[in-house]
C-alpha atoms as a PDB file:
ATOM      1  CA  UNK A   1      65.384 -41.617 -19.028  1.00  0.00           C
ATOM      2  CA  UNK A   2      64.594 -41.362 -15.314  1.00  0.00           C
ATOM      3  CA  UNK A   3      60.898 -40.985 -14.437  1.00  0.00           C
ATOM      4  CA  UNK A   4      59.609 -37.473 -13.820  1.00  0.00           C
ATOM      5  CA  UNK A   5      57.228 -38.518 -11.029  1.00  0.00           C
ATOM      6  CA  UNK A   6      58.050 -37.420  -7.498  1.00  0.00           C
ATOM      7  CA  UNK A   7      57.067 -39.458  -4.435  1.00  0.00           C
ATOM      8  CA  UNK A   8      57.301 -37.152  -1.418  1.00  0.00           C
ATOM      9  CA  UNK A   9      57.229 -39.994   1.127  1.00  0.00           C
ATOM     10  CA  UNK A  10      60.492 -41.350  -0.296  1.00  0.00           C
ATOM     11  CA  UNK A  11      62.374 -38.185   0.602  1.00  0.00           C
ATOM     12  CA  UNK A  12      64.630 -39.055   3.529  1.00  0.00           C
ATOM     13  CA  UNK A  13      63.660 -42.733   3.426  1.00  0.00           C
ATOM     14  CA  UNK A  14      66.366 -45.281   4.199  1.00  0.00           C
ATOM     15  CA  UNK A  15      66.676 -47.472   1.104  1.00  0.00           C
ATOM     16  CA  UNK A  16      68.853 -50.561   0.642  1.00  0.00           C
ATOM     17  CA  UNK A  17      69.490 -52.052  -2.800  1.00  0.00           C
ATOM     18  CA  UNK A  18      71.389 -55.237  -3.604  1.00  0.00           C
ATOM     19  CA  UNK A  19      73.450 -55.425  -6.767  1.00  0.00           C
ATOM     20  CA  UNK A  20      73.605 -51.655  -7.159  1.00  0.00           C
ATOM     21  CA  UNK A  21      76.979 -51.542  -8.847  1.00  0.00           C
ATOM     22  CA  UNK A  22      75.811 -52.027 -12.436  1.00  0.00           C
ATOM     23  CA  UNK A  23      72.868 -52.465 -14.776  1.00  0.00           C
ATOM     24  CA  UNK A  24      69.367 -52.137 -13.362  1.00  0.00           C
ATOM     25  CA  UNK A  25      70.741 -51.824  -9.835  1.00  0.00           C
ATOM     26  CA  UNK A  26      72.826 -48.763 -10.688  1.00  0.00           C
ATOM     27  CA  UNK A  27      69.780 -47.103 -12.283  1.00  0.00           C
ATOM     28  CA  UNK A  28      67.754 -47.850  -9.143  1.00  0.00           C
ATOM     29  CA  UNK A  29      70.426 -46.271  -6.938  1.00  0.00           C
ATOM     30  CA  UNK A  30      70.317 -43.080  -8.979  1.00  0.00           C
ATOM     31  CA  UNK A  31      66.526 -43.094  -9.165  1.00  0.00           C
ATOM     32  CA  UNK A  32      66.051 -43.317  -5.400  1.00  0.00           C
ATOM     33  CA  UNK A  33      68.731 -40.691  -4.744  1.00  0.00           C
ATOM     34  CA  UNK A  34      66.876 -38.348  -7.118  1.00  0.00           C
ATOM     35  CA  UNK A  35      63.820 -38.814  -4.888  1.00  0.00           C
ATOM     36  CA  UNK A  36      65.834 -37.536  -1.934  1.00  0.00           C
ATOM     37  CA  UNK A  37      66.160 -40.953  -0.313  1.00  0.00           C
ATOM     38  CA  UNK A  38      69.170 -42.028   1.714  1.00  0.00           C
ATOM     39  CA  UNK A  39      70.489 -44.889  -0.394  1.00  0.00           C
ATOM     40  CA  UNK A  40      72.877 -47.702   0.487  1.00  0.00           C
ATOM     41  CA  UNK A  41      73.690 -50.495  -1.909  1.00  0.00           C
ATOM     42  CA  UNK A  42      75.463 -53.820  -1.658  1.00  0.00           C
ATOM     43  CA  UNK A  43      77.703 -55.145  -4.399  1.00  0.00           C
ATOM     44  CA  UNK A  44      80.813 -57.283  -4.756  1.00  0.00           C
ATOM     45  CA  UNK A  45      82.367 -55.204  -7.548  1.00  0.00           C
ATOM     46  CA  UNK A  46      84.526 -52.504  -5.987  1.00  0.00           C
ATOM     47  CA  UNK A  47      85.623 -50.353  -8.946  1.00  0.00           C
ATOM     48  CA  UNK A  48      82.258 -50.406 -10.720  1.00  0.00           C
ATOM     49  CA  UNK A  49      80.428 -49.538  -7.506  1.00  0.00           C
ATOM     50  CA  UNK A  50      82.716 -46.601  -6.758  1.00  0.00           C
ATOM     51  CA  UNK A  51      82.080 -45.393 -10.313  1.00  0.00           C
ATOM     52  CA  UNK A  52      78.331 -45.532  -9.643  1.00  0.00           C
ATOM     53  CA  UNK A  53      78.826 -43.477  -6.476  1.00  0.00           C
ATOM     54  CA  UNK A  54      80.889 -40.899  -8.378  1.00  0.00           C
ATOM     55  CA  UNK A  55      78.325 -40.659 -11.176  1.00  0.00           C
ATOM     56  CA  UNK A  56      75.340 -40.319  -8.846  1.00  0.00           C
ATOM     57  CA  UNK A  57      77.102 -37.701  -6.733  1.00  0.00           C
ATOM     58  CA  UNK A  58      77.997 -35.711  -9.850  1.00  0.00           C
ATOM     59  CA  UNK A  59      74.425 -35.901 -11.175  1.00  0.00           C
ATOM     60  CA  UNK A  60      72.545 -35.301  -7.917  1.00  0.00           C
ATOM     61  CA  UNK A  61      74.931 -33.789  -5.385  1.00  0.00           C
ATOM     62  CA  UNK A  62      74.307 -36.689  -2.992  1.00  0.00           C
ATOM     63  CA  UNK A  63      76.558 -39.733  -2.662  1.00  0.00           C
ATOM     64  CA  UNK A  64      75.068 -43.170  -2.036  1.00  0.00           C
ATOM     65  CA  UNK A  65      76.698 -45.528   0.459  1.00  0.00           C
ATOM     66  CA  UNK A  66      78.490 -48.482  -1.144  1.00  0.00           C
ATOM     67  CA  UNK A  67      78.715 -51.576   1.040  1.00  0.00           C
ATOM     68  CA  UNK A  68      81.021 -54.235  -0.363  1.00  0.00           C
ATOM     69  CA  UNK A  69      79.839 -57.770   0.358  1.00  0.00           C
ATOM     70  CA  UNK A  70      79.454 -61.139  -1.292  1.00  0.00           C
ATOM     71  CA  UNK A  71      75.749 -61.990  -1.048  1.00  0.00           C
ATOM     72  CA  UNK A  72      76.624 -65.668  -0.836  1.00  0.00           C
ATOM     73  CA  UNK A  73      78.124 -64.924   2.584  1.00  0.00           C
ATOM     74  CA  UNK A  74      75.047 -64.527   4.771  1.00  0.00           C
ATOM     75  CA  UNK A  75      76.941 -63.153   7.754  1.00  0.00           C
ATOM     76  CA  UNK A  76      78.590 -60.511   5.542  1.00  0.00           C
ATOM     77  CA  UNK A  77      75.148 -59.689   4.174  1.00  0.00           C
ATOM     78  CA  UNK A  78      73.799 -59.171   7.690  1.00  0.00           C
ATOM     79  CA  UNK A  79      76.729 -56.923   8.556  1.00  0.00           C
ATOM     80  CA  UNK A  80      76.066 -54.822   5.448  1.00  0.00           C
ATOM     81  CA  UNK A  81      72.390 -54.439   6.376  1.00  0.00           C
ATOM     82  CA  UNK A  82      73.376 -53.330   9.871  1.00  0.00           C
ATOM     83  CA  UNK A  83      75.825 -50.789   8.450  1.00  0.00           C
ATOM     84  CA  UNK A  84      73.130 -49.348   6.195  1.00  0.00           C
ATOM     85  CA  UNK A  85      70.794 -48.923   9.161  1.00  0.00           C
ATOM     86  CA  UNK A  86      73.559 -47.394  11.253  1.00  0.00           C
ATOM     87  CA  UNK A  87      74.380 -44.852   8.549  1.00  0.00           C
ATOM     88  CA  UNK A  88      70.865 -43.978   7.366  1.00  0.00           C
ATOM     89  CA  UNK A  89      68.488 -45.097  10.137  1.00  0.00           C
ATOM     90  CA  UNK A  90      66.446 -48.284   9.952  1.00  0.00           C
ATOM     91  CA  UNK A  91      65.823 -49.553   6.417  1.00  0.00           C
ATOM     92  CA  UNK A  92      62.192 -49.166   5.351  1.00  0.00           C
ATOM     93  CA  UNK A  93      62.685 -49.897   1.638  1.00  0.00           C
ATOM     94  CA  UNK A  94      64.572 -52.999   0.493  1.00  0.00           C
ATOM     95  CA  UNK A  95      65.137 -53.765  -3.171  1.00  0.00           C
ATOM     96  CA  UNK A  96      66.469 -57.266  -3.809  1.00  0.00           C
ATOM     97  CA  UNK A  97      67.896 -56.740  -7.277  1.00  0.00           C
ATOM     98  CA  UNK A  98      71.166 -58.706  -7.422  1.00  0.00           C
ATOM     99  CA  UNK A  99      71.319 -61.581  -9.884  1.00  0.00           C
ATOM    100  CA  UNK A 100      73.670 -63.438 -12.213  1.00  0.00           C
ATOM    101  CA  UNK A 101      72.156 -64.815 -15.409  1.00  0.00           C
ATOM    102  CA  UNK A 102      75.005 -67.036 -16.582  1.00  0.00           C
ATOM    103  CA  UNK A 103      73.957 -69.466 -19.305  1.00  0.00           C
ATOM    104  CA  UNK A 104      74.376 -73.172 -18.574  1.00  0.00           C
ATOM    105  CA  UNK A 105      73.527 -76.397 -20.374  1.00  0.00           C
ATOM    106  CA  UNK A 106      71.643 -79.087 -18.455  1.00  0.00           C
ATOM    107  CA  UNK A 107      74.381 -81.675 -18.983  1.00  0.00           C
ATOM    108  CA  UNK A 108      77.043 -79.386 -17.510  1.00  0.00           C
ATOM    109  CA  UNK A 109      75.284 -78.496 -14.252  1.00  0.00           C
ATOM    110  CA  UNK A 110      76.869 -79.976 -11.148  1.00  0.00           C
ATOM    111  CA  UNK A 111      75.517 -79.894  -7.606  1.00  0.00           C
ATOM    112  CA  UNK A 112      78.113 -77.281  -6.697  1.00  0.00           C
ATOM    113  CA  UNK A 113      77.172 -75.094  -9.676  1.00  0.00           C
ATOM    114  CA  UNK A 114      73.485 -75.375  -8.811  1.00  0.00           C
ATOM    115  CA  UNK A 115      74.014 -74.471  -5.161  1.00  0.00           C
ATOM    116  CA  UNK A 116      76.237 -71.521  -6.038  1.00  0.00           C
ATOM    117  CA  UNK A 117      73.748 -70.246  -8.608  1.00  0.00           C
ATOM    118  CA  UNK A 118      70.880 -70.406  -6.134  1.00  0.00           C
ATOM    119  CA  UNK A 119      73.025 -68.747  -3.466  1.00  0.00           C
ATOM    120  CA  UNK A 120      73.284 -65.702  -5.754  1.00  0.00           C
ATOM    121  CA  UNK A 121      69.883 -65.639  -7.424  1.00  0.00           C
ATOM    122  CA  UNK A 122      67.451 -66.728  -4.701  1.00  0.00           C
ATOM    123  CA  UNK A 123      68.850 -67.269  -1.230  1.00  0.00           C
ATOM    124  CA  UNK A 124      69.941 -63.652  -0.527  1.00  0.00           C
ATOM    125  CA  UNK A 125      66.414 -62.400  -1.202  1.00  0.00           C
ATOM    126  CA  UNK A 126      65.197 -64.236   1.874  1.00  0.00           C
ATOM    127  CA  UNK A 127      68.085 -63.445   4.181  1.00  0.00           C
ATOM    128  CA  UNK A 128      68.151 -59.749   3.316  1.00  0.00           C
ATOM    129  CA  UNK A 129      64.420 -59.574   4.018  1.00  0.00           C
ATOM    130  CA  UNK A 130      64.993 -61.435   7.271  1.00  0.00           C
ATOM    131  CA  UNK A 131      67.665 -58.911   8.260  1.00  0.00           C
ATOM    132  CA  UNK A 132      65.529 -55.800   7.635  1.00  0.00           C
ATOM    133  CA  UNK A 133      62.263 -57.210   8.997  1.00  0.00           C
ATOM    134  CA  UNK A 134      62.831 -56.337  12.695  1.00  0.00           C
ATOM    135  CA  UNK A 135      63.404 -52.653  11.936  1.00  0.00           C
ATOM    136  CA  UNK A 136      60.444 -52.549   9.552  1.00  0.00           C
ATOM    137  CA  UNK A 137      58.244 -54.150  12.195  1.00  0.00           C
ATOM    138  CA  UNK A 138      59.388 -51.563  14.722  1.00  0.00           C
ATOM    139  CA  UNK A 139      58.619 -48.800  12.225  1.00  0.00           C
ATOM    140  CA  UNK A 140      55.223 -50.333  11.508  1.00  0.00           C
ATOM    141  CA  UNK A 141      55.795 -50.071   7.781  1.00  0.00           C
ATOM    142  CA  UNK A 142      58.097 -51.129   5.001  1.00  0.00           C
ATOM    143  CA  UNK A 143      58.313 -52.141   1.368  1.00  0.00           C
ATOM    144  CA  UNK A 144      60.325 -55.088   0.077  1.00  0.00           C
ATOM    145  CA  UNK A 145      60.674 -55.320  -3.696  1.00  0.00           C
ATOM    146  CA  UNK A 146      62.084 -58.524  -5.167  1.00  0.00           C
ATOM    147  CA  UNK A 147      63.336 -58.525  -8.739  1.00  0.00           C
ATOM    148  CA  UNK A 148      62.381 -61.679 -10.578  1.00  0.00           C
ATOM    149  CA  UNK A 149      62.302 -62.089 -14.382  1.00  0.00           C
ATOM    150  CA  UNK A 150      59.991 -63.015 -17.226  1.00  0.00           C
ATOM    151  CA  UNK A 151      62.612 -65.561 -18.314  1.00  0.00           C
ATOM    152  CA  UNK A 152      60.821 -68.467 -16.647  1.00  0.00           C
ATOM    153  CA  UNK A 153      57.454 -67.289 -17.994  1.00  0.00           C
ATOM    154  CA  UNK A 154      58.660 -67.492 -21.608  1.00  0.00           C
ATOM    155  CA  UNK A 155      60.419 -70.875 -21.226  1.00  0.00           C
ATOM    156  CA  UNK A 156      63.836 -69.316 -21.733  1.00  0.00           C
ATOM    157  CA  UNK A 157      66.412 -72.016 -22.530  1.00  0.00           C
ATOM    158  CA  UNK A 158      70.056 -72.336 -21.470  1.00  0.00           C
ATOM    159  CA  UNK A 159      69.729 -71.335 -17.821  1.00  0.00           C
ATOM    160  CA  UNK A 160      67.475 -73.749 -15.893  1.00  0.00           C
ATOM    161  CA  UNK A 161      68.952 -72.959 -12.476  1.00  0.00           C
ATOM    162  CA  UNK A 162      68.476 -69.227 -13.009  1.00  0.00           C
ATOM    163  CA  UNK A 163      64.879 -69.590 -14.177  1.00  0.00           C
ATOM    164  CA  UNK A 164      64.169 -71.869 -11.219  1.00  0.00           C
ATOM    165  CA  UNK A 165      65.447 -69.164  -8.865  1.00  0.00           C
ATOM    166  CA  UNK A 166      63.408 -66.484 -10.594  1.00  0.00           C
ATOM    167  CA  UNK A 167      60.230 -68.553 -10.279  1.00  0.00           C
ATOM    168  CA  UNK A 168      61.085 -69.184  -6.626  1.00  0.00           C
ATOM    169  CA  UNK A 169      61.292 -65.445  -5.979  1.00  0.00           C
ATOM    170  CA  UNK A 170      57.576 -65.116  -6.720  1.00  0.00           C
ATOM    171  CA  UNK A 171      56.763 -67.849  -4.215  1.00  0.00           C
ATOM    172  CA  UNK A 172      59.023 -66.179  -1.664  1.00  0.00           C
ATOM    173  CA  UNK A 173      57.362 -62.824  -2.337  1.00  0.00           C
ATOM    174  CA  UNK A 174      53.899 -64.196  -1.651  1.00  0.00           C
ATOM    175  CA  UNK A 175      55.010 -66.070   1.470  1.00  0.00           C
ATOM    176  CA  UNK A 176      56.758 -63.034   2.917  1.00  0.00           C
ATOM    177  CA  UNK A 177      53.774 -60.832   2.086  1.00  0.00           C
ATOM    178  CA  UNK A 178      51.503 -63.088   4.097  1.00  0.00           C
ATOM    179  CA  UNK A 179      53.902 -63.192   7.025  1.00  0.00           C
ATOM    180  CA  UNK A 180      54.829 -59.523   7.161  1.00  0.00           C
ATOM    181  CA  UNK A 181      51.595 -57.865   6.071  1.00  0.00           C
ATOM    182  CA  UNK A 182      50.133 -57.689   9.597  1.00  0.00           C
ATOM    183  CA  UNK A 183      53.122 -55.505  10.520  1.00  0.00           C
ATOM    184  CA  UNK A 184      52.435 -52.988   7.744  1.00  0.00           C
ATOM    185  CA  UNK A 185      55.174 -54.404   5.519  1.00  0.00           C
ATOM    186  CA  UNK A 186      54.395 -54.900   1.833  1.00  0.00           C
ATOM    187  CA  UNK A 187      56.260 -57.388  -0.362  1.00  0.00           C
ATOM    188  CA  UNK A 188      56.011 -57.299  -4.143  1.00  0.00           C
ATOM    189  CA  UNK A 189      57.993 -58.442  -7.152  1.00  0.00           C
ATOM    190  CA  UNK A 190      59.004 -56.850 -10.437  1.00  0.00           C
ATOM    191  CA  UNK A 191      59.499 -59.097 -13.457  1.00  0.00           C
ATOM    192  CA  UNK A 192      61.485 -57.284 -16.146  1.00  0.00           C
ATOM    193  CA  UNK A 193      61.534 -58.398 -19.728  1.00  0.00           C
ATOM    194  CA  UNK A 194      64.729 -58.010 -21.735  1.00  0.00           C
ATOM    195  CA  UNK A 195      66.435 -54.938 -20.329  1.00  0.00           C
ATOM    196  CA  UNK A 196      69.506 -54.063 -22.380  1.00  0.00           C
ATOM    197  CA  UNK A 197      72.272 -53.489 -19.879  1.00  0.00           C
ATOM    198  CA  UNK A 198      75.961 -53.332 -20.725  1.00  0.00           C
ATOM    199  CA  UNK A 199      76.275 -56.982 -19.680  1.00  0.00           C
ATOM    200  CA  UNK A 200      73.530 -57.993 -22.104  1.00  0.00           C
ATOM    201  CA  UNK A 201      75.166 -56.086 -24.946  1.00  0.00           C
ATOM    202  CA  UNK A 202      78.588 -57.536 -24.192  1.00  0.00           C
ATOM    203  CA  UNK A 203      77.449 -61.147 -23.954  1.00  0.00           C
ATOM    204  CA  UNK A 204      74.193 -61.843 -25.771  1.00  0.00           C
ATOM    205  CA  UNK A 205      72.687 -59.004 -27.790  1.00  0.00           C
ATOM    206  CA  UNK A 206      72.882 -59.080 -31.558  1.00  0.00           C
ATOM    207  CA  UNK A 207      71.109 -56.689 -33.906  1.00  0.00           C
ATOM    208  CA  UNK A 208      68.913 -59.545 -35.128  1.00  0.00           C
ATOM    209  CA  UNK A 209      67.999 -60.936 -31.696  1.00  0.00           C
ATOM    210  CA  UNK A 210      67.160 -57.507 -30.322  1.00  0.00           C
ATOM    211  CA  UNK A 211      65.061 -56.526 -33.334  1.00  0.00           C
ATOM    212  CA  UNK A 212      63.144 -59.796 -33.131  1.00  0.00           C
ATOM    213  CA  UNK A 213      62.461 -59.334 -29.439  1.00  0.00           C
ATOM    214  CA  UNK A 214      61.338 -55.711 -29.728  1.00  0.00           C
ATOM    215  CA  UNK A 215      59.073 -56.623 -32.650  1.00  0.00           C
ATOM    216  CA  UNK A 216      57.100 -58.853 -30.248  1.00  0.00           C
ATOM    217  CA  UNK A 217      56.668 -56.087 -27.680  1.00  0.00           C
ATOM    218  CA  UNK A 218      53.555 -53.903 -27.829  1.00  0.00           C
ATOM    219  CA  UNK A 219      55.798 -50.891 -27.219  1.00  0.00           C
ATOM    220  CA  UNK A 220      58.413 -51.003 -29.969  1.00  0.00           C
ATOM    221  CA  UNK A 221      61.296 -49.585 -27.971  1.00  0.00           C
ATOM    222  CA  UNK A 222      64.398 -51.145 -26.464  1.00  0.00           C
ATOM    223  CA  UNK A 223      64.031 -51.339 -22.695  1.00  0.00           C
ATOM    224  CA  UNK A 224      66.770 -49.632 -20.700  1.00  0.00           C
ATOM    225  CA  UNK A 225      67.726 -49.998 -17.006  1.00  0.00           C
ATOM    226  CA  UNK A 226      66.078 -46.651 -16.189  1.00  0.00           C
ATOM    227  CA  UNK A 227      62.741 -48.101 -17.328  1.00  0.00           C
ATOM    228  CA  UNK A 228      62.696 -50.240 -14.185  1.00  0.00           C
ATOM    229  CA  UNK A 229      63.033 -47.240 -11.870  1.00  0.00           C
ATOM    230  CA  UNK A 230      59.481 -45.889 -12.062  1.00  0.00           C
ATOM    231  CA  UNK A 231      57.766 -49.196 -11.252  1.00  0.00           C
ATOM    232  CA  UNK A 232      60.155 -49.709  -8.346  1.00  0.00           C
ATOM    233  CA  UNK A 233      59.568 -46.220  -6.942  1.00  0.00           C
ATOM    234  CA  UNK A 234      55.815 -46.798  -7.135  1.00  0.00           C
ATOM    235  CA  UNK A 235      56.048 -50.051  -5.197  1.00  0.00           C
ATOM    236  CA  UNK A 236      58.346 -48.430  -2.633  1.00  0.00           C
ATOM    237  CA  UNK A 237      56.056 -45.457  -2.029  1.00  0.00           C
ATOM    238  CA  UNK A 238      52.767 -45.158  -0.201  1.00  0.00           C
ATOM    239  CA  UNK A 239      51.079 -44.689  -3.587  1.00  0.00           C
ATOM    240  CA  UNK A 240      50.922 -48.502  -3.536  1.00  0.00           C
ATOM    241  CA  UNK A 241      50.093 -48.832   0.166  1.00  0.00           C
ATOM    242  CA  UNK A 242      47.417 -51.531  -0.339  1.00  0.00           C
ATOM    243  CA  UNK A 243      49.352 -53.440  -2.963  1.00  0.00           C
ATOM    244  CA  UNK A 244      51.206 -56.530  -1.767  1.00  0.00           C
ATOM    245  CA  UNK A 245      51.938 -60.130  -2.803  1.00  0.00           C
ATOM    246  CA  UNK A 246      51.873 -59.031  -6.450  1.00  0.00           C
ATOM    247  CA  UNK A 247      54.193 -59.435  -9.424  1.00  0.00           C
ATOM    248  CA  UNK A 248      54.438 -56.450 -11.754  1.00  0.00           C
ATOM    249  CA  UNK A 249      55.532 -57.493 -15.251  1.00  0.00           C
ATOM    250  CA  UNK A 250      57.479 -54.729 -17.011  1.00  0.00           C
ATOM    251  CA  UNK A 251      58.304 -56.046 -20.467  1.00  0.00           C
ATOM    252  CA  UNK A 252      56.909 -53.554 -22.979  1.00  0.00           C
ATOM    253  CA  UNK A 253      53.949 -55.864 -23.554  1.00  0.00           C
ATOM    254  CA  UNK A 254      55.978 -58.866 -24.747  1.00  0.00           C
ATOM    255  CA  UNK A 255      53.794 -61.284 -22.787  1.00  0.00           C
END
């Protein structure tokens, strides 16, 4: 369920979200549109992203802007950022959400696999922030929200490159916060626990594994993509204007 809270300063704001074509990203697109923001999102999946646009338009009456790009291609990423600013004015809220949590055994990881994994899960966070920073500096304000994960905090097995990237995002968040803070730009991270997206259900969720996980949460409910929207809206809005360089763990109290 989408949060009921309304953040008036987000109305009309230019918001850019990476990985908005599915899962948490799609929920974030809808959540910001419901706030009255002008939302653009970057994704590589054409059909799924168009479906998100159709759904959001049907639910809200406003259509987000889908920008197709491969985040591994930094020049394409920069072009997408420029297109978002051209369409909606300079971006003042950036949500770095895109990720790919493929499982991988240590013995099977090659240098090429590692580099490709990092180029999806960590590198775009920096270069998207780099691309929006000049406009945020000119505006004298901005909020960058980097999605990390609790996976590295709980010693999750079977994806060492992914967990490395997710830990790196927190370091990047703190470094960017220190650099950009004097310009009125805040940089924070959100660390979700196990959010049950369609991808999770298709690939990894079993009744037993989900029940075991939820039993360890303080709040005994399955987390859904929409549960990440409220925390993200808070960090994007001026309700959190003195909050930066922080990591907000949203895991139902698992940790």
